[in-house]
Amino acid sequence: MAEAAFFARLPPVGLSPAEEDLRALLLQAASAASKLLPRSGAVSLQKWVERRMPDELRLCTDAAGDVVLLPLPPQAQVVAPRTPAAHVPSAPGLEPFFDSLPNDDFLPEETLLREAVTNAVARGPLPMIQVVRDEQVRAAKTFLPRFVTLEDWIERRIGGEVAVYKDKMGRASCKLVGPSKEERNEIAEQFWAALPEGSFTKEEERLRTAIYEFLANWRSPELASLSHSGGDKAVRQARMALLKPGACVSLKDWIERRLGAELELRQDQTMQWIIHLTELGKAEVRRAAQMAVRGLPRRGAFGEPAMAPWAQPLVEKENMDEQREKFFAALPEDSLSVEEVNLRASLMDFLNSWTADMPPTLTDAGQDAEVKMHRLNLLPKGCCVSLRAWIDQRIGGEIETVQQENTSKEVFFGLRGMIDRSVLDLAAQRENKRKADGNVKLRIAGESPPARRLRR
């Protein structure tokens, strides 16, 4: 009866705020446990609680077999000061991350996240948990390292626009600072009304030219996105000159209102706004390419993306070496870029969660979803720099890579000084046997093993 009465008090559709909080905490605890505890299941969460924090929580099953999770009474708790393990490498802190961001500007990824957050709370205050669950916010905040919360980023980077506060129920919440939605719409309309109808202002022409120069110099085989354009220095400076803080108009809004006959923005499956050219837009790109403003690879005559240098067929080794040098030369000397910080953190997390008796290989790491995502952000498909080359050159003081000569093509990796070289031969033999067994299974199933590529 008591159980039925309890559930009868809860909303029939959706979760109550208190339930939302409990759900978020349980999901967070489940994620943390999966990263810490062995994947084999040798150590359960209950055993870890009993061994590592016995005086703080009670996690067990009752007579009916249901799981019980309760804090111990305050008088029963004996909380000893905890010191972090010295051998576990700490992730980069908040300060180095925020220090790496520009002081008077946003990164392209930050611009997208800023717009996603402000759009989410445009209609009124929302609990932080609902902001995080917003689809556009979730897609835009993937560049944040794991140790940086959305709340941290909002307070540090857009605190003048979005406020983080505790609501009446004690929940972390977000709301816009300054004008209301109606006032923002009025400010935006005043901005549009001040623009000429049949021409562009000097600031608009500067931004329009910067966008077309960016498109004429776009090197990737994929279509450029609005986020990509925001990473161009000339576009960023022109945008700041035209769309000043307080204008209540985004770059997307301006393109759709003022360049709609030339550029079309369409959202893809990853929630990114992709730039598509109309016939008028293609003509402008051709004109910008003919001017050869920057001397970089141009787009084709009909606006198709030019093939990236590392994707050209039969590239000479000298050209590949030159491309690799350019790649590393473009990275910061005394620190890591945001993409590098994310990739480093995902590799460290992978190594810390590895429980096998043999060192992992880069192939193993490449199957991890987090590592794969951050590797593609830094080293896209077709890039002339391998993951091993990046590790050796950029974080070789922390992580080392080892390949056994004449034994295996697999590259093993681990924390520097922590790889037991004596087990690598055995690990390579196991890896070769696993691949051989796989080929045997293919033959049994009536298939042929993958054919080797012949070198010319």
Foldseek 3Di string as FASTA:
>chain_A
DVVVVVVVPADPDDGDPVVLVVVVVVVVVVVVCLLADAPVPPADPQNCCCVPQVQFWDWDADPVRDTDIDTDPPVSHDDDDDDDDPPQDDADDPVVVVVQADDPFGALLVLQLVVLQCVVQQQHKDFPSVSCVPLSNVLSCLLDAPNADPQNCCCVPVCVFKPWDQDPVRTTMIHTPDDHNVVLVVLLVVLVVPADDPDGDPLRVQLVLLQLLCLFQFAAQDFDFSSNSCNDPSNVVSCCVRVPPPSSADPVNCCCVPVVQFWDWDADPSRTTGIDGDQNNLVSSVVSNVVCPPVHHGADSRSRHHHHPLPDPPDDPVSLVVLVVVLVVPADDPDGDSLVSQLVSLVSSVQSNDDDPAFDFVVVSCVDPSNVVSCCVSANPSRSADPQNCCCPPVVQFKHWDDDPPQAPTIGMDGPPPHDVVCVNVVSVVVVVVVVVVQVVCVVVVHHPDDDDDDD
